[in-house]
C-alpha atoms as a PDB file:
ATOM      1  CA  UNK A   1      10.698  20.528  26.381  1.00  0.00           C
ATOM      2  CA  UNK A   2      10.899  23.493  24.026  1.00  0.00           C
ATOM      3  CA  UNK A   3      14.386  23.668  22.309  1.00  0.00           C
ATOM      4  CA  UNK A   4      15.102  26.954  20.646  1.00  0.00           C
ATOM      5  CA  UNK A   5      16.346  27.529  17.139  1.00  0.00           C
ATOM      6  CA  UNK A   6      19.155  29.589  18.701  1.00  0.00           C
ATOM      7  CA  UNK A   7      20.316  26.607  20.909  1.00  0.00           C
ATOM      8  CA  UNK A   8      20.517  24.187  18.091  1.00  0.00           C
ATOM      9  CA  UNK A   9      22.277  26.766  15.795  1.00  0.00           C
ATOM     10  CA  UNK A  10      24.778  27.323  18.767  1.00  0.00           C
ATOM     11  CA  UNK A  11      25.440  23.561  19.378  1.00  0.00           C
ATOM     12  CA  UNK A  12      25.588  23.043  15.666  1.00  0.00           C
ATOM     13  CA  UNK A  13      28.624  25.726  15.576  1.00  0.00           C
ATOM     14  CA  UNK A  14      30.374  24.110  18.538  1.00  0.00           C
ATOM     15  CA  UNK A  15      29.952  20.647  17.511  1.00  0.00           C
ATOM     16  CA  UNK A  16      29.825  20.434  13.627  1.00  0.00           C
ATOM     17  CA  UNK A  17      26.980  17.702  14.246  1.00  0.00           C
ATOM     18  CA  UNK A  18      23.816  17.634  12.191  1.00  0.00           C
ATOM     19  CA  UNK A  19      20.776  19.431  12.722  1.00  0.00           C
ATOM     20  CA  UNK A  20      18.606  16.368  13.867  1.00  0.00           C
ATOM     21  CA  UNK A  21      21.654  14.763  15.943  1.00  0.00           C
ATOM     22  CA  UNK A  22      21.729  18.251  18.012  1.00  0.00           C
ATOM     23  CA  UNK A  23      17.980  18.453  18.498  1.00  0.00           C
ATOM     24  CA  UNK A  24      18.145  14.786  19.792  1.00  0.00           C
ATOM     25  CA  UNK A  25      20.771  15.568  22.024  1.00  0.00           C
ATOM     26  CA  UNK A  26      19.248  18.869  23.622  1.00  0.00           C
ATOM     27  CA  UNK A  27      15.873  16.953  23.946  1.00  0.00           C
ATOM     28  CA  UNK A  28      18.080  14.093  25.953  1.00  0.00           C
ATOM     29  CA  UNK A  29      19.771  16.521  28.013  1.00  0.00           C
ATOM     30  CA  UNK A  30      16.797  18.684  28.529  1.00  0.00           C
ATOM     31  CA  UNK A  31      18.277  21.673  26.960  1.00  0.00           C
ATOM     32  CA  UNK A  32      21.807  21.571  28.876  1.00  0.00           C
ATOM     33  CA  UNK A  33      24.666  22.452  26.201  1.00  0.00           C
ATOM     34  CA  UNK A  34      27.276  20.511  28.103  1.00  0.00           C
ATOM     35  CA  UNK A  35      25.189  17.388  28.818  1.00  0.00           C
ATOM     36  CA  UNK A  36      24.183  17.614  24.868  1.00  0.00           C
ATOM     37  CA  UNK A  37      27.968  17.495  23.849  1.00  0.00           C
ATOM     38  CA  UNK A  38      28.670  14.364  26.143  1.00  0.00           C
ATOM     39  CA  UNK A  39      25.518  12.915  24.486  1.00  0.00           C
ATOM     40  CA  UNK A  40      26.762  13.490  21.093  1.00  0.00           C
ATOM     41  CA  UNK A  41      30.336  12.261  21.922  1.00  0.00           C
ATOM     42  CA  UNK A  42      28.727   9.042  23.054  1.00  0.00           C
ATOM     43  CA  UNK A  43      26.492   8.475  20.203  1.00  0.00           C
ATOM     44  CA  UNK A  44      29.597   9.236  17.819  1.00  0.00           C
ATOM     45  CA  UNK A  45      31.651   6.580  19.612  1.00  0.00           C
ATOM     46  CA  UNK A  46      28.692   4.075  18.848  1.00  0.00           C
ATOM     47  CA  UNK A  47      28.525   5.214  15.137  1.00  0.00           C
ATOM     48  CA  UNK A  48      32.193   5.132  14.613  1.00  0.00           C
ATOM     49  CA  UNK A  49      32.299   1.404  16.240  1.00  0.00           C
ATOM     50  CA  UNK A  50      29.766   0.327  13.524  1.00  0.00           C
ATOM     51  CA  UNK A  51      31.628   2.207  10.832  1.00  0.00           C
ATOM     52  CA  UNK A  52      35.032   0.733  11.571  1.00  0.00           C
ATOM     53  CA  UNK A  53      34.578  -2.438   9.321  1.00  0.00           C
ATOM     54  CA  UNK A  54      33.921  -0.299   6.282  1.00  0.00           C
ATOM     55  CA  UNK A  55      36.609  -0.412   3.535  1.00  0.00           C
ATOM     56  CA  UNK A  56      38.748   3.119   3.176  1.00  0.00           C
ATOM     57  CA  UNK A  57      40.287   3.422  -0.163  1.00  0.00           C
ATOM     58  CA  UNK A  58      40.263   7.404  -0.628  1.00  0.00           C
ATOM     59  CA  UNK A  59      41.597  10.157   1.414  1.00  0.00           C
ATOM     60  CA  UNK A  60      44.254  12.581   1.305  1.00  0.00           C
ATOM     61  CA  UNK A  61      47.708  13.228   2.440  1.00  0.00           C
ATOM     62  CA  UNK A  62      48.209  16.372   4.611  1.00  0.00           C
ATOM     63  CA  UNK A  63      51.292  18.272   5.831  1.00  0.00           C
ATOM     64  CA  UNK A  64      52.147  21.219   8.456  1.00  0.00           C
ATOM     65  CA  UNK A  65      55.137  23.447   8.828  1.00  0.00           C
ATOM     66  CA  UNK A  66      56.077  25.158  11.965  1.00  0.00           C
ATOM     67  CA  UNK A  67      56.344  28.736  11.861  1.00  0.00           C
ATOM     68  CA  UNK A  68      60.280  28.191  12.662  1.00  0.00           C
ATOM     69  CA  UNK A  69      60.343  26.291   9.242  1.00  0.00           C
ATOM     70  CA  UNK A  70      62.469  23.421  10.958  1.00  0.00           C
ATOM     71  CA  UNK A  71      59.853  21.334  11.655  1.00  0.00           C
ATOM     72  CA  UNK A  72      56.814  19.499   9.750  1.00  0.00           C
ATOM     73  CA  UNK A  73      54.426  16.804  10.185  1.00  0.00           C
ATOM     74  CA  UNK A  74      53.129  14.503   7.321  1.00  0.00           C
ATOM     75  CA  UNK A  75      49.840  12.423   7.743  1.00  0.00           C
ATOM     76  CA  UNK A  76      47.882  10.012   5.274  1.00  0.00           C
ATOM     77  CA  UNK A  77      44.200   9.727   6.381  1.00  0.00           C
ATOM     78  CA  UNK A  78      42.120   7.438   4.613  1.00  0.00           C
ATOM     79  CA  UNK A  79      37.950   7.705   4.266  1.00  0.00           C
ATOM     80  CA  UNK A  80      35.681   5.745   2.054  1.00  0.00           C
ATOM     81  CA  UNK A  81      34.866   8.046  -0.995  1.00  0.00           C
ATOM     82  CA  UNK A  82      36.086  10.890  -2.959  1.00  0.00           C
ATOM     83  CA  UNK A  83      33.061  13.023  -1.851  1.00  0.00           C
ATOM     84  CA  UNK A  84      34.263  12.853   1.507  1.00  0.00           C
ATOM     85  CA  UNK A  85      38.121  13.325   1.007  1.00  0.00           C
ATOM     86  CA  UNK A  86      37.173  16.490  -1.117  1.00  0.00           C
ATOM     87  CA  UNK A  87      35.313  18.216   1.701  1.00  0.00           C
ATOM     88  CA  UNK A  88      36.363  20.952   3.676  1.00  0.00           C
ATOM     89  CA  UNK A  89      35.731  19.131   7.091  1.00  0.00           C
ATOM     90  CA  UNK A  90      38.064  16.364   5.925  1.00  0.00           C
ATOM     91  CA  UNK A  91      40.832  18.768   4.673  1.00  0.00           C
ATOM     92  CA  UNK A  92      40.684  20.320   8.296  1.00  0.00           C
ATOM     93  CA  UNK A  93      41.084  17.102   9.819  1.00  0.00           C
ATOM     94  CA  UNK A  94      44.229  16.123   7.652  1.00  0.00           C
ATOM     95  CA  UNK A  95      45.739  19.715   8.675  1.00  0.00           C
ATOM     96  CA  UNK A  96      45.106  19.052  12.362  1.00  0.00           C
ATOM     97  CA  UNK A  97      46.314  15.903  12.622  1.00  0.00           C
ATOM     98  CA  UNK A  98      49.658  16.964  10.528  1.00  0.00           C
ATOM     99  CA  UNK A  99      49.676  19.824  13.174  1.00  0.00           C
ATOM    100  CA  UNK A 100      49.595  17.495  15.895  1.00  0.00           C
ATOM    101  CA  UNK A 101      52.213  15.385  14.605  1.00  0.00           C
ATOM    102  CA  UNK A 102      54.357  18.289  14.284  1.00  0.00           C
ATOM    103  CA  UNK A 103      53.473  19.375  17.629  1.00  0.00           C
ATOM    104  CA  UNK A 104      53.550  15.989  19.613  1.00  0.00           C
ATOM    105  CA  UNK A 105      55.787  13.907  17.514  1.00  0.00           C
ATOM    106  CA  UNK A 106      54.024  10.644  18.074  1.00  0.00           C
ATOM    107  CA  UNK A 107      56.073   7.320  17.970  1.00  0.00           C
ATOM    108  CA  UNK A 108      53.244   4.907  17.011  1.00  0.00           C
ATOM    109  CA  UNK A 109      49.827   4.650  15.740  1.00  0.00           C
ATOM    110  CA  UNK A 110      48.450   2.941  18.479  1.00  0.00           C
ATOM    111  CA  UNK A 111      49.724   0.122  21.326  1.00  0.00           C
ATOM    112  CA  UNK A 112      49.316  -2.581  18.880  1.00  0.00           C
ATOM    113  CA  UNK A 113      52.347  -1.138  16.939  1.00  0.00           C
ATOM    114  CA  UNK A 114      54.465  -1.145  20.001  1.00  0.00           C
ATOM    115  CA  UNK A 115      57.174  -3.883  19.752  1.00  0.00           C
ATOM    116  CA  UNK A 116      56.762  -6.562  22.437  1.00  0.00           C
ATOM    117  CA  UNK A 117      60.362  -5.883  23.795  1.00  0.00           C
ATOM    118  CA  UNK A 118      59.740  -2.386  24.249  1.00  0.00           C
ATOM    119  CA  UNK A 119      56.459  -2.975  26.412  1.00  0.00           C
ATOM    120  CA  UNK A 120      58.344  -5.775  28.355  1.00  0.00           C
ATOM    121  CA  UNK A 121      61.235  -3.140  28.882  1.00  0.00           C
ATOM    122  CA  UNK A 122      58.801  -0.478  30.135  1.00  0.00           C
ATOM    123  CA  UNK A 123      57.343  -3.007  32.432  1.00  0.00           C
ATOM    124  CA  UNK A 124      60.811  -3.808  33.905  1.00  0.00           C
ATOM    125  CA  UNK A 125      61.281  -0.120  34.588  1.00  0.00           C
ATOM    126  CA  UNK A 126      57.833   0.409  35.945  1.00  0.00           C
ATOM    127  CA  UNK A 127      58.596  -2.670  38.297  1.00  0.00           C
ATOM    128  CA  UNK A 128      61.509  -1.326  39.332  1.00  0.00           C
ATOM    129  CA  UNK A 129      60.427   2.117  40.159  1.00  0.00           C
ATOM    130  CA  UNK A 130      57.351   0.487  42.246  1.00  0.00           C
ATOM    131  CA  UNK A 131      59.589  -1.886  44.233  1.00  0.00           C
ATOM    132  CA  UNK A 132      61.862   1.288  45.325  1.00  0.00           C
ATOM    133  CA  UNK A 133      58.650   3.216  46.306  1.00  0.00           C
ATOM    134  CA  UNK A 134      57.751   0.304  48.577  1.00  0.00           C
ATOM    135  CA  UNK A 135      54.328  -0.224  47.100  1.00  0.00           C
ATOM    136  CA  UNK A 136      52.246  -3.137  48.478  1.00  0.00           C
ATOM    137  CA  UNK A 137      52.918  -6.339  46.098  1.00  0.00           C
ATOM    138  CA  UNK A 138      49.332  -7.092  45.557  1.00  0.00           C
ATOM    139  CA  UNK A 139      48.996  -3.450  43.760  1.00  0.00           C
ATOM    140  CA  UNK A 140      52.020  -3.922  41.561  1.00  0.00           C
ATOM    141  CA  UNK A 141      49.992  -5.158  38.391  1.00  0.00           C
ATOM    142  CA  UNK A 142      47.237  -2.573  38.763  1.00  0.00           C
ATOM    143  CA  UNK A 143      50.120   0.301  39.053  1.00  0.00           C
ATOM    144  CA  UNK A 144      51.779  -1.064  35.946  1.00  0.00           C
ATOM    145  CA  UNK A 145      48.615  -1.154  34.116  1.00  0.00           C
ATOM    146  CA  UNK A 146      48.204   2.474  34.971  1.00  0.00           C
ATOM    147  CA  UNK A 147      52.043   3.311  34.121  1.00  0.00           C
ATOM    148  CA  UNK A 148      51.201   1.871  30.963  1.00  0.00           C
ATOM    149  CA  UNK A 149      48.351   3.848  30.163  1.00  0.00           C
ATOM    150  CA  UNK A 150      50.406   6.956  30.665  1.00  0.00           C
ATOM    151  CA  UNK A 151      52.907   5.325  28.380  1.00  0.00           C
ATOM    152  CA  UNK A 152      50.439   5.159  25.479  1.00  0.00           C
ATOM    153  CA  UNK A 153      49.177   8.526  26.081  1.00  0.00           C
ATOM    154  CA  UNK A 154      52.592   9.960  25.754  1.00  0.00           C
ATOM    155  CA  UNK A 155      53.790   7.889  22.551  1.00  0.00           C
ATOM    156  CA  UNK A 156      50.750   6.817  20.821  1.00  0.00           C
ATOM    157  CA  UNK A 157      49.091   8.998  18.010  1.00  0.00           C
ATOM    158  CA  UNK A 158      45.739   8.046  18.858  1.00  0.00           C
ATOM    159  CA  UNK A 159      46.192   8.392  22.623  1.00  0.00           C
ATOM    160  CA  UNK A 160      47.554  11.485  22.477  1.00  0.00           C
ATOM    161  CA  UNK A 161      45.488  14.550  23.733  1.00  0.00           C
ATOM    162  CA  UNK A 162      44.509  16.393  20.492  1.00  0.00           C
ATOM    163  CA  UNK A 163      47.036  19.614  20.169  1.00  0.00           C
ATOM    164  CA  UNK A 164      43.902  21.736  19.608  1.00  0.00           C
ATOM    165  CA  UNK A 165      41.787  20.688  22.309  1.00  0.00           C
ATOM    166  CA  UNK A 166      43.348  18.755  25.338  1.00  0.00           C
ATOM    167  CA  UNK A 167      40.237  17.561  26.741  1.00  0.00           C
ATOM    168  CA  UNK A 168      39.679  14.748  24.074  1.00  0.00           C
ATOM    169  CA  UNK A 169      42.248  12.326  22.069  1.00  0.00           C
ATOM    170  CA  UNK A 170      42.962  11.956  18.627  1.00  0.00           C
ATOM    171  CA  UNK A 171      40.807   9.033  18.838  1.00  0.00           C
ATOM    172  CA  UNK A 172      37.857  10.867  20.143  1.00  0.00           C
ATOM    173  CA  UNK A 173      38.492  13.386  17.435  1.00  0.00           C
ATOM    174  CA  UNK A 174      38.377  10.683  14.737  1.00  0.00           C
ATOM    175  CA  UNK A 175      35.044   9.456  16.278  1.00  0.00           C
ATOM    176  CA  UNK A 176      33.756  12.940  15.925  1.00  0.00           C
ATOM    177  CA  UNK A 177      34.385  12.960  12.428  1.00  0.00           C
ATOM    178  CA  UNK A 178      33.384   9.678  11.509  1.00  0.00           C
ATOM    179  CA  UNK A 179      29.902  10.587  13.040  1.00  0.00           C
ATOM    180  CA  UNK A 180      29.806  14.210  11.204  1.00  0.00           C
ATOM    181  CA  UNK A 181      31.024  12.781   7.883  1.00  0.00           C
ATOM    182  CA  UNK A 182      29.187   9.360   7.963  1.00  0.00           C
ATOM    183  CA  UNK A 183      32.130   7.343   6.900  1.00  0.00           C
ATOM    184  CA  UNK A 184      34.945   5.458   8.362  1.00  0.00           C
ATOM    185  CA  UNK A 185      38.040   7.396   8.589  1.00  0.00           C
ATOM    186  CA  UNK A 186      41.439   6.165   9.712  1.00  0.00           C
ATOM    187  CA  UNK A 187      44.889   7.350   9.738  1.00  0.00           C
ATOM    188  CA  UNK A 188      47.089   5.288   7.496  1.00  0.00           C
ATOM    189  CA  UNK A 189      50.497   6.666   8.242  1.00  0.00           C
ATOM    190  CA  UNK A 190      52.472   9.628   9.665  1.00  0.00           C
ATOM    191  CA  UNK A 191      55.916  11.242   9.781  1.00  0.00           C
ATOM    192  CA  UNK A 192      57.647  14.121  11.568  1.00  0.00           C
ATOM    193  CA  UNK A 193      60.657  15.916   9.921  1.00  0.00           C
ATOM    194  CA  UNK A 194      62.810  18.165  11.842  1.00  0.00           C
ATOM    195  CA  UNK A 195      66.233  20.049  11.464  1.00  0.00           C
ATOM    196  CA  UNK A 196      68.726  20.542  14.174  1.00  0.00           C
ATOM    197  CA  UNK A 197      66.806  18.243  16.793  1.00  0.00           C
END
């Protein structure tokens, strides 16, 4: 299949992926741009898994102040080198993550940071709800796990839908940038500040 330069350019602008990655994705998807995006996301996840063990000692702290001047988000994001930390792409990621903190107010970075007593309490609440609804007993554990996933999506930074594109999670966004920039990237810490709330 002959992939046109225009198709490659358009997909690169849309995804920010490298020239050869985009060409390979379009070839794999027989020129279908949507399928190529899925391919790039999948390959980005594989790449991110390989990178996760690498040390991150550089990075940047970003902030975002809402237009009302009463809510702000702070985020510290680490990467491997100052070269990447100084790029426009990395700065954009940090800014977007700070904006996300301002909008979504996550309570935890990921599910491993939720205290066990909080999980236990949520399980008990879900169990009581299910019992009231009269669901079959053999389905209770499966339903509780589903409700816990929803709880993570609501409260954990990496599980939340990205404020600027709710078709992907923050974890998906990080994997895309890891693939794009070729370095391990991780959120170190975050905070949300608010007046009158």
